[in-house]
N, C-alpha and C. Protein backbone atom coordinates (compact mmCIF):
# COMPACT_ATOMS: atom_id res chain seq x y z
N UNK A 1 90.02 41.06 51.93
CA UNK A 1 89.09 42.08 51.51
C UNK A 1 88.41 41.61 50.24
N UNK A 2 87.17 42.01 50.11
CA UNK A 2 86.48 41.66 48.89
C UNK A 2 85.74 42.88 48.36
N UNK A 3 85.43 42.83 47.09
CA UNK A 3 84.66 43.89 46.47
C UNK A 3 83.22 43.39 46.41
N UNK A 4 82.29 44.22 46.87
CA UNK A 4 80.89 43.81 46.86
C UNK A 4 80.01 45.03 46.68
N UNK A 5 78.78 44.79 46.35
CA UNK A 5 77.80 45.87 46.32
C UNK A 5 77.38 46.04 47.77
N UNK A 6 77.73 47.17 48.35
CA UNK A 6 77.52 47.40 49.77
C UNK A 6 76.10 47.90 49.98
N UNK A 7 75.30 47.08 50.68
CA UNK A 7 73.90 47.42 50.93
C UNK A 7 73.66 47.66 52.41
N UNK A 8 74.64 48.19 53.08
CA UNK A 8 74.49 48.45 54.51
C UNK A 8 74.48 49.96 54.73
N UNK A 9 74.04 50.33 55.92
CA UNK A 9 74.12 51.75 56.27
C UNK A 9 75.59 52.09 56.45
N UNK A 10 76.02 53.15 55.78
CA UNK A 10 77.41 53.59 55.90
C UNK A 10 77.41 54.97 56.52
N UNK A 11 78.31 55.17 57.46
CA UNK A 11 78.41 56.45 58.14
C UNK A 11 79.80 57.01 57.99
N UNK A 12 79.87 58.32 58.00
CA UNK A 12 81.15 59.01 57.95
C UNK A 12 81.54 59.41 59.37
N UNK A 13 82.81 59.61 59.56
CA UNK A 13 83.25 60.12 60.85
C UNK A 13 83.39 61.63 60.72
N UNK A 14 83.11 62.33 61.81
CA UNK A 14 83.14 63.79 61.78
C UNK A 14 84.31 64.35 62.58
N UNK A 15 84.91 63.55 63.40
CA UNK A 15 86.10 63.94 64.16
C UNK A 15 86.98 62.71 64.30
N UNK A 16 88.27 62.95 64.45
CA UNK A 16 89.22 61.86 64.60
C UNK A 16 90.28 62.24 65.62
N UNK A 17 90.91 61.24 66.14
CA UNK A 17 91.98 61.48 67.10
C UNK A 17 92.71 60.19 67.40
N UNK A 18 93.57 60.25 68.39
CA UNK A 18 94.32 59.08 68.84
C UNK A 18 94.15 58.97 70.35
N UNK A 19 94.09 57.74 70.83
CA UNK A 19 94.01 57.51 72.27
C UNK A 19 94.99 56.41 72.64
N UNK A 20 95.47 56.48 73.85
CA UNK A 20 96.28 55.38 74.38
C UNK A 20 96.02 55.27 75.87
N UNK A 21 96.04 54.04 76.33
CA UNK A 21 95.91 53.73 77.75
C UNK A 21 96.96 52.68 78.06
N UNK A 22 97.64 52.85 79.16
CA UNK A 22 98.75 51.94 79.46
C UNK A 22 98.31 50.49 79.59
N UNK A 23 97.07 50.23 79.96
CA UNK A 23 96.61 48.86 80.13
C UNK A 23 95.94 48.25 78.91
N UNK A 24 95.86 49.00 77.81
CA UNK A 24 95.18 48.52 76.62
C UNK A 24 96.15 48.52 75.45
N UNK A 25 96.22 47.39 74.75
CA UNK A 25 97.05 47.25 73.54
C UNK A 25 98.51 47.63 73.82
N UNK A 26 98.99 47.23 74.98
CA UNK A 26 100.37 47.48 75.39
C UNK A 26 100.71 48.97 75.33
N UNK A 27 99.71 49.82 75.53
CA UNK A 27 99.93 51.26 75.56
C UNK A 27 100.07 51.92 74.20
N UNK A 28 99.82 51.16 73.13
CA UNK A 28 99.95 51.73 71.78
C UNK A 28 98.87 52.76 71.50
N UNK A 29 99.17 53.65 70.57
CA UNK A 29 98.20 54.63 70.10
C UNK A 29 97.16 53.88 69.25
N UNK A 30 95.90 54.25 69.45
CA UNK A 30 94.80 53.63 68.69
C UNK A 30 93.94 54.75 68.11
N UNK A 31 93.61 54.67 66.82
CA UNK A 31 92.74 55.69 66.24
C UNK A 31 91.37 55.73 66.94
N UNK A 32 90.81 56.93 67.01
CA UNK A 32 89.51 57.12 67.63
C UNK A 32 88.67 58.00 66.71
N UNK A 33 87.42 57.61 66.54
CA UNK A 33 86.53 58.32 65.62
C UNK A 33 85.21 58.68 66.30
N UNK A 34 84.71 59.86 65.98
CA UNK A 34 83.36 60.25 66.35
C UNK A 34 82.52 60.03 65.09
N UNK A 35 81.53 59.14 65.20
CA UNK A 35 80.66 58.83 64.06
C UNK A 35 79.41 59.68 64.09
N UNK A 36 79.08 60.24 62.95
CA UNK A 36 77.82 60.95 62.81
C UNK A 36 76.78 59.93 62.38
N UNK A 37 76.09 59.37 63.37
CA UNK A 37 75.08 58.35 63.08
C UNK A 37 73.69 58.98 62.96
N UNK A 38 73.67 60.31 62.89
CA UNK A 38 72.45 61.09 62.70
C UNK A 38 71.40 60.70 63.73
N UNK A 39 70.24 60.36 63.28
CA UNK A 39 69.15 60.01 64.19
C UNK A 39 68.94 58.50 64.24
N UNK A 40 69.95 57.72 64.00
CA UNK A 40 69.84 56.27 64.02
C UNK A 40 69.91 55.80 65.48
N UNK A 41 68.76 55.80 66.12
CA UNK A 41 68.69 55.50 67.55
C UNK A 41 69.22 54.10 67.88
N UNK A 42 69.04 53.14 66.96
CA UNK A 42 69.53 51.79 67.25
C UNK A 42 71.05 51.77 67.42
N UNK A 43 71.76 52.56 66.64
CA UNK A 43 73.22 52.60 66.76
C UNK A 43 73.63 53.36 68.02
N UNK A 44 72.93 54.44 68.32
CA UNK A 44 73.19 55.18 69.56
C UNK A 44 72.97 54.25 70.75
N UNK A 45 71.90 53.46 70.72
CA UNK A 45 71.62 52.50 71.79
C UNK A 45 72.72 51.45 71.91
N UNK A 46 73.27 51.00 70.78
CA UNK A 46 74.36 50.03 70.80
C UNK A 46 75.52 50.55 71.65
N UNK A 47 75.89 51.81 71.45
CA UNK A 47 76.99 52.39 72.21
C UNK A 47 76.65 52.49 73.69
N UNK A 48 75.43 52.86 74.01
CA UNK A 48 75.00 52.99 75.40
C UNK A 48 74.99 51.62 76.10
N UNK A 49 74.41 50.62 75.43
CA UNK A 49 74.32 49.28 76.01
C UNK A 49 75.71 48.65 76.14
N UNK A 50 76.55 48.93 75.21
CA UNK A 50 77.90 48.33 75.20
C UNK A 50 78.71 48.74 76.42
N UNK A 51 78.40 49.91 76.99
CA UNK A 51 79.13 50.37 78.17
C UNK A 51 78.90 49.49 79.38
N UNK A 52 77.76 48.82 79.45
CA UNK A 52 77.44 48.03 80.64
C UNK A 52 77.87 46.58 80.53
N UNK A 53 78.52 46.19 79.44
CA UNK A 53 79.00 44.82 79.30
C UNK A 53 80.52 44.82 79.12
N UNK A 54 81.14 43.70 79.44
CA UNK A 54 82.59 43.60 79.32
C UNK A 54 83.01 43.55 77.86
N UNK A 55 82.32 42.74 77.07
CA UNK A 55 82.67 42.62 75.66
C UNK A 55 81.44 42.25 74.86
N UNK A 56 81.47 42.61 73.60
CA UNK A 56 80.39 42.24 72.69
C UNK A 56 80.94 41.31 71.63
N UNK A 57 80.07 40.86 70.78
CA UNK A 57 80.49 40.00 69.67
C UNK A 57 80.26 40.75 68.37
N UNK A 58 81.31 40.83 67.59
CA UNK A 58 81.22 41.56 66.33
C UNK A 58 82.08 40.85 65.28
N UNK A 59 81.53 40.75 64.10
CA UNK A 59 82.28 40.24 62.95
C UNK A 59 82.53 41.45 62.07
N UNK A 60 83.75 41.60 61.62
CA UNK A 60 84.08 42.78 60.82
C UNK A 60 84.89 42.39 59.61
N UNK A 61 84.83 43.22 58.61
CA UNK A 61 85.68 43.05 57.44
C UNK A 61 85.77 44.36 56.68
N UNK A 62 86.80 44.45 55.88
CA UNK A 62 87.00 45.59 55.00
C UNK A 62 86.41 45.23 53.65
N UNK A 63 85.60 46.11 53.11
CA UNK A 63 85.03 45.87 51.79
C UNK A 63 85.18 47.13 50.95
N UNK A 64 85.24 46.90 49.67
CA UNK A 64 85.27 48.00 48.74
C UNK A 64 83.98 47.93 47.93
N UNK A 65 83.28 49.04 47.91
CA UNK A 65 82.02 49.09 47.19
C UNK A 65 82.28 48.92 45.70
N UNK A 66 81.51 48.07 45.08
CA UNK A 66 81.65 47.79 43.65
C UNK A 66 81.52 49.06 42.81
N UNK A 67 80.67 49.99 43.26
CA UNK A 67 80.41 51.21 42.50
C UNK A 67 81.34 52.36 42.85
N UNK A 68 82.03 52.27 43.96
CA UNK A 68 82.91 53.36 44.38
C UNK A 68 84.23 52.81 44.86
N UNK A 69 85.16 52.64 43.95
CA UNK A 69 86.47 52.07 44.27
C UNK A 69 87.34 53.03 45.07
N UNK A 70 86.91 54.26 45.23
CA UNK A 70 87.68 55.25 45.98
C UNK A 70 87.38 55.17 47.47
N UNK A 71 86.37 54.39 47.84
CA UNK A 71 85.98 54.24 49.23
C UNK A 71 86.37 52.86 49.74
N UNK A 72 86.69 52.82 51.01
CA UNK A 72 86.91 51.56 51.71
C UNK A 72 85.95 51.60 52.89
N UNK A 73 85.20 50.54 53.06
CA UNK A 73 84.20 50.46 54.12
C UNK A 73 84.66 49.47 55.17
N UNK A 74 84.64 49.92 56.43
CA UNK A 74 84.91 49.01 57.54
C UNK A 74 83.54 48.55 58.04
N UNK A 75 83.17 47.34 57.68
CA UNK A 75 81.84 46.80 57.96
C UNK A 75 81.85 46.01 59.26
N UNK A 76 80.88 46.31 60.13
CA UNK A 76 80.77 45.62 61.42
C UNK A 76 79.37 45.05 61.58
N UNK A 77 79.33 43.78 61.94
CA UNK A 77 78.07 43.10 62.20
C UNK A 77 78.09 42.64 63.65
N UNK A 78 77.34 43.33 64.50
CA UNK A 78 77.28 43.01 65.93
C UNK A 78 76.19 41.97 66.16
N UNK A 79 76.49 40.97 66.99
CA UNK A 79 75.47 40.01 67.38
C UNK A 79 75.16 40.12 68.88
N UNK A 80 76.03 40.79 69.60
CA UNK A 80 75.83 41.02 71.03
C UNK A 80 76.55 42.30 71.40
N UNK A 81 76.01 43.20 72.12
CA UNK A 81 74.79 43.14 72.92
C UNK A 81 73.52 43.34 72.10
N UNK A 82 73.64 43.75 70.86
CA UNK A 82 72.47 43.94 70.00
C UNK A 82 72.83 43.43 68.61
N UNK A 83 71.81 43.03 67.86
CA UNK A 83 72.04 42.64 66.46
C UNK A 83 71.89 43.89 65.61
N UNK A 84 73.01 44.25 65.00
CA UNK A 84 73.01 45.47 64.20
C UNK A 84 74.21 45.44 63.25
N UNK A 85 74.04 46.02 62.07
CA UNK A 85 75.12 46.04 61.09
C UNK A 85 75.24 47.44 60.51
N UNK A 86 76.46 47.91 60.39
CA UNK A 86 76.72 49.19 59.74
C UNK A 86 78.18 49.25 59.33
N UNK A 87 78.49 50.26 58.55
CA UNK A 87 79.86 50.42 58.08
C UNK A 87 80.34 51.85 58.27
N UNK A 88 81.65 52.00 58.31
CA UNK A 88 82.27 53.32 58.38
C UNK A 88 82.94 53.56 57.04
N UNK A 89 82.63 54.68 56.46
CA UNK A 89 83.12 55.03 55.12
C UNK A 89 84.44 55.80 55.24
N UNK A 90 85.45 55.32 54.51
CA UNK A 90 86.73 56.00 54.42
C UNK A 90 87.02 56.31 52.96
N UNK A 91 87.47 57.51 52.68
CA UNK A 91 87.93 57.86 51.35
C UNK A 91 89.43 57.55 51.31
N UNK A 92 89.82 56.60 50.49
CA UNK A 92 91.18 56.09 50.50
C UNK A 92 92.22 57.20 50.34
N UNK A 93 92.04 58.09 49.37
CA UNK A 93 93.04 59.12 49.09
C UNK A 93 93.17 60.14 50.22
N UNK A 94 92.13 60.32 51.00
CA UNK A 94 92.16 61.30 52.10
C UNK A 94 92.41 60.66 53.46
N UNK A 95 91.82 59.50 53.68
CA UNK A 95 91.82 58.90 55.02
C UNK A 95 92.84 57.77 55.19
N UNK A 96 93.79 57.67 54.27
CA UNK A 96 94.76 56.57 54.34
C UNK A 96 95.52 56.51 55.67
N UNK A 97 95.84 57.65 56.33
CA UNK A 97 96.54 57.51 57.62
C UNK A 97 95.67 56.80 58.67
N UNK A 98 94.37 57.09 58.67
CA UNK A 98 93.47 56.44 59.63
C UNK A 98 93.29 54.96 59.33
N UNK A 99 93.10 54.64 58.06
CA UNK A 99 92.95 53.23 57.68
C UNK A 99 94.20 52.48 58.10
N UNK A 100 95.37 53.05 57.80
CA UNK A 100 96.63 52.41 58.16
C UNK A 100 96.75 52.28 59.67
N UNK A 101 96.32 53.31 60.39
CA UNK A 101 96.38 53.26 61.85
C UNK A 101 95.53 52.16 62.44
N UNK A 102 94.34 51.97 61.89
CA UNK A 102 93.45 50.91 62.38
C UNK A 102 94.09 49.55 62.13
N UNK A 103 94.65 49.37 60.94
CA UNK A 103 95.27 48.09 60.59
C UNK A 103 96.53 47.84 61.42
N UNK A 104 97.36 48.86 61.58
CA UNK A 104 98.62 48.69 62.32
C UNK A 104 98.39 48.52 63.81
N UNK A 105 97.47 49.28 64.39
CA UNK A 105 97.24 49.21 65.84
C UNK A 105 96.30 48.07 66.22
N UNK A 106 95.61 47.51 65.24
CA UNK A 106 94.66 46.43 65.44
C UNK A 106 93.52 46.83 66.38
N UNK A 107 93.13 48.09 66.28
CA UNK A 107 92.05 48.56 67.12
C UNK A 107 91.47 49.87 66.64
N UNK A 108 90.32 50.22 67.25
CA UNK A 108 89.61 51.43 66.88
C UNK A 108 88.66 51.80 68.01
N UNK A 109 88.75 53.04 68.47
CA UNK A 109 87.77 53.56 69.41
C UNK A 109 86.67 54.25 68.61
N UNK A 110 85.42 54.02 69.01
CA UNK A 110 84.28 54.63 68.33
C UNK A 110 83.34 55.24 69.34
N UNK A 111 82.72 56.34 68.94
CA UNK A 111 81.61 56.89 69.72
C UNK A 111 80.74 57.73 68.81
N UNK A 112 79.44 57.78 69.08
CA UNK A 112 78.56 58.61 68.26
C UNK A 112 78.70 60.07 68.67
N UNK A 113 78.42 60.95 67.74
CA UNK A 113 78.48 62.37 68.07
C UNK A 113 78.22 63.25 66.87
N UNK A 114 78.52 64.49 67.04
CA UNK A 114 78.31 65.50 66.00
C UNK A 114 79.63 66.20 65.70
N UNK A 115 79.69 66.87 64.59
CA UNK A 115 80.87 67.63 64.20
C UNK A 115 81.22 68.63 65.31
N UNK A 116 82.47 68.70 65.64
CA UNK A 116 82.94 69.61 66.69
C UNK A 116 83.14 68.93 68.03
N UNK A 117 82.57 67.73 68.21
CA UNK A 117 82.77 66.99 69.46
C UNK A 117 84.07 66.21 69.36
N UNK A 118 84.94 66.48 70.28
CA UNK A 118 86.25 65.84 70.27
C UNK A 118 86.19 64.49 70.99
N UNK A 119 87.03 63.59 70.55
CA UNK A 119 87.13 62.27 71.19
C UNK A 119 87.45 62.41 72.67
N UNK A 120 88.28 63.37 73.02
CA UNK A 120 88.71 63.53 74.40
C UNK A 120 87.65 64.16 75.30
N UNK A 121 86.61 64.73 74.73
CA UNK A 121 85.61 65.44 75.53
C UNK A 121 84.71 64.51 76.33
N UNK A 122 84.40 63.35 75.78
CA UNK A 122 83.43 62.47 76.42
C UNK A 122 84.00 61.06 76.51
N UNK A 123 83.95 60.49 77.70
CA UNK A 123 84.41 59.11 77.88
C UNK A 123 83.25 58.13 77.73
N UNK A 124 82.01 58.59 77.94
CA UNK A 124 80.87 57.68 77.88
C UNK A 124 80.53 57.34 76.44
N UNK A 125 79.86 56.25 76.28
CA UNK A 125 79.39 55.78 74.97
C UNK A 125 80.54 55.52 74.00
N UNK A 126 81.73 55.28 74.50
CA UNK A 126 82.88 54.98 73.65
C UNK A 126 83.17 53.49 73.74
N UNK A 127 83.35 52.85 72.60
CA UNK A 127 83.70 51.44 72.60
C UNK A 127 85.03 51.23 71.89
N UNK A 128 85.74 50.23 72.35
CA UNK A 128 86.98 49.82 71.72
C UNK A 128 86.70 48.57 70.91
N UNK A 129 86.99 48.64 69.62
CA UNK A 129 86.81 47.50 68.74
C UNK A 129 88.19 46.93 68.43
N UNK A 130 88.41 45.67 68.79
CA UNK A 130 89.65 45.01 68.42
C UNK A 130 89.53 44.56 66.97
N UNK A 131 90.51 44.92 66.17
CA UNK A 131 90.45 44.66 64.73
C UNK A 131 91.53 43.64 64.35
N UNK A 132 91.12 42.39 64.12
CA UNK A 132 92.11 41.38 63.72
C UNK A 132 92.63 41.66 62.31
N UNK A 133 93.68 40.99 61.92
CA UNK A 133 94.32 41.21 60.62
C UNK A 133 93.36 40.99 59.46
N UNK A 134 92.57 39.98 59.48
CA UNK A 134 91.61 39.66 58.42
C UNK A 134 92.27 39.58 57.05
N UNK A 135 93.55 39.25 57.01
CA UNK A 135 94.31 39.14 55.76
C UNK A 135 94.33 40.46 54.99
N UNK A 136 94.21 41.55 55.69
CA UNK A 136 94.12 42.86 55.05
C UNK A 136 95.48 43.54 54.89
N UNK A 137 96.45 43.18 55.74
CA UNK A 137 97.73 43.90 55.71
C UNK A 137 98.39 43.90 54.34
N UNK A 138 98.47 42.75 53.70
CA UNK A 138 99.13 42.66 52.40
C UNK A 138 98.36 43.45 51.36
N UNK A 139 97.04 43.30 51.35
CA UNK A 139 96.20 44.03 50.39
C UNK A 139 96.32 45.53 50.63
N UNK A 140 96.26 45.93 51.90
CA UNK A 140 96.33 47.35 52.23
C UNK A 140 97.70 47.93 51.86
N UNK A 141 98.77 47.21 52.14
CA UNK A 141 100.10 47.72 51.79
C UNK A 141 100.19 48.04 50.29
N UNK A 142 99.61 47.18 49.49
CA UNK A 142 99.61 47.39 48.05
C UNK A 142 98.74 48.61 47.68
N UNK A 143 97.55 48.70 48.27
CA UNK A 143 96.66 49.83 48.00
C UNK A 143 97.29 51.15 48.44
N UNK A 144 97.90 51.14 49.61
CA UNK A 144 98.52 52.35 50.16
C UNK A 144 99.69 52.80 49.30
N UNK A 145 100.53 51.86 48.90
CA UNK A 145 101.67 52.19 48.05
C UNK A 145 101.20 52.78 46.73
N UNK A 146 100.19 52.17 46.13
CA UNK A 146 99.65 52.70 44.86
C UNK A 146 99.06 54.10 45.04
N UNK A 147 98.32 54.29 46.13
CA UNK A 147 97.70 55.58 46.40
C UNK A 147 98.75 56.68 46.55
N UNK A 148 99.77 56.41 47.37
CA UNK A 148 100.79 57.43 47.60
C UNK A 148 101.68 57.64 46.37
N UNK A 149 101.98 56.56 45.66
CA UNK A 149 102.78 56.70 44.43
C UNK A 149 102.04 57.59 43.44
N UNK A 150 100.75 57.37 43.29
CA UNK A 150 99.92 58.19 42.39
C UNK A 150 99.91 59.65 42.84
N UNK A 151 99.81 59.85 44.15
CA UNK A 151 99.80 61.20 44.71
C UNK A 151 101.09 61.94 44.37
N UNK A 152 102.23 61.28 44.58
CA UNK A 152 103.51 61.95 44.32
C UNK A 152 103.79 62.09 42.82
N UNK A 153 103.30 61.14 42.05
CA UNK A 153 103.47 61.23 40.59
C UNK A 153 102.70 62.45 40.06
N UNK A 154 101.52 62.71 40.64
CA UNK A 154 100.73 63.87 40.20
C UNK A 154 101.41 65.19 40.58
N UNK A 155 102.37 65.14 41.48
CA UNK A 155 103.12 66.34 41.87
C UNK A 155 104.37 66.54 41.02
N UNK A 156 104.54 65.66 40.01
CA UNK A 156 105.63 65.86 39.08
C UNK A 156 106.84 64.96 39.26
N UNK A 157 106.79 64.07 40.23
CA UNK A 157 107.90 63.13 40.42
C UNK A 157 107.81 62.00 39.40
N UNK A 158 108.95 61.39 39.10
CA UNK A 158 108.94 60.23 38.21
C UNK A 158 108.32 59.05 38.95
N UNK A 159 108.01 57.98 38.22
CA UNK A 159 107.42 56.79 38.84
C UNK A 159 108.37 56.21 39.89
N UNK A 160 109.65 56.13 39.56
CA UNK A 160 110.64 55.59 40.50
C UNK A 160 110.75 56.48 41.73
N UNK A 161 110.84 57.80 41.53
CA UNK A 161 110.92 58.72 42.66
C UNK A 161 109.66 58.63 43.51
N UNK A 162 108.52 58.55 42.86
CA UNK A 162 107.24 58.48 43.57
C UNK A 162 107.16 57.23 44.44
N UNK A 163 107.60 56.09 43.92
CA UNK A 163 107.58 54.85 44.71
C UNK A 163 108.50 54.98 45.93
N UNK A 164 109.67 55.58 45.73
CA UNK A 164 110.63 55.74 46.82
C UNK A 164 110.08 56.69 47.89
N UNK A 165 109.51 57.81 47.46
CA UNK A 165 108.92 58.76 48.40
C UNK A 165 107.74 58.13 49.14
N UNK A 166 106.92 57.36 48.42
CA UNK A 166 105.78 56.68 49.04
C UNK A 166 106.26 55.71 50.13
N UNK A 167 107.31 54.97 49.83
CA UNK A 167 107.86 54.01 50.81
C UNK A 167 108.33 54.75 52.06
N UNK A 168 109.03 55.85 51.89
CA UNK A 168 109.51 56.64 53.04
C UNK A 168 108.35 57.27 53.80
N UNK A 169 107.33 57.70 53.08
CA UNK A 169 106.14 58.27 53.70
C UNK A 169 105.48 57.23 54.61
N UNK A 170 105.32 56.03 54.12
CA UNK A 170 104.70 54.95 54.88
C UNK A 170 105.52 54.62 56.12
N UNK A 171 106.83 54.51 55.97
CA UNK A 171 107.71 54.22 57.12
C UNK A 171 107.59 55.30 58.18
N UNK A 172 107.60 56.54 57.75
CA UNK A 172 107.50 57.67 58.67
C UNK A 172 106.14 57.68 59.38
N UNK A 173 105.09 57.47 58.61
CA UNK A 173 103.73 57.47 59.16
C UNK A 173 103.56 56.36 60.20
N UNK A 174 104.17 55.23 59.98
CA UNK A 174 103.99 54.09 60.89
C UNK A 174 104.79 54.20 62.18
N UNK A 175 105.67 55.16 62.27
CA UNK A 175 106.39 55.38 63.53
C UNK A 175 105.43 55.71 64.67
N UNK A 176 104.33 56.39 64.34
CA UNK A 176 103.33 56.75 65.36
C UNK A 176 102.78 55.51 66.05
N UNK A 177 102.59 54.44 65.30
CA UNK A 177 101.96 53.24 65.86
C UNK A 177 102.90 52.44 66.73
N UNK A 178 104.17 52.85 66.79
CA UNK A 178 105.15 52.19 67.66
C UNK A 178 105.25 52.88 69.02
N UNK A 179 104.71 54.08 69.11
CA UNK A 179 104.77 54.83 70.38
C UNK A 179 103.88 54.13 71.40
N UNK A 180 104.41 54.00 72.61
CA UNK A 180 103.66 53.35 73.69
C UNK A 180 103.59 54.24 74.91
N UNK A 181 102.44 54.21 75.55
CA UNK A 181 102.30 54.91 76.84
C UNK A 181 102.75 53.94 77.93
N UNK A 182 103.68 54.38 78.74
CA UNK A 182 104.17 53.51 79.81
C UNK A 182 103.77 54.11 81.16
N UNK A 183 103.71 53.23 82.14
CA UNK A 183 103.32 53.64 83.48
C UNK A 183 104.37 54.57 84.08
N UNK A 184 103.91 55.62 84.74
CA UNK A 184 104.84 56.55 85.41
C UNK A 184 105.27 56.00 86.75
């Protein structure tokens, strides 16, 4: 991960969920997001075109905006089926379970939409992005531990207690990513 001045279009997600399919990612749960891409027709077209191809080409990385250290941006640069670049904005203190889920499951389902549209409502225009490690696990583990330790410290726990509770919180949270859907 690197810190940079982020000059790309950044979008927020308006709905979130989890999906699993027995034939994908060994049946593991994968985070799924509905992106509010507003009237950005090029991004809407990317999702539509992506449905008719087996796979696209995308380079991705996690970046932290130089001006906003509280945000983590998942930046994607597609070269096929269309050339397009955008990022998904995550607020570290609020969205840490999703960030962790993407890193742990090594994947992310995306689709464009509006607030109130659930991931499960529409199968069309949904793409699965495989997310390689990108040397992010070690950096993220440190960021996550600091974030949760700070959270528990603000609730009145000592630094030692906060670190211990943060560690248990992380272990508990990651149990979800071990669940697998198996064939009936």
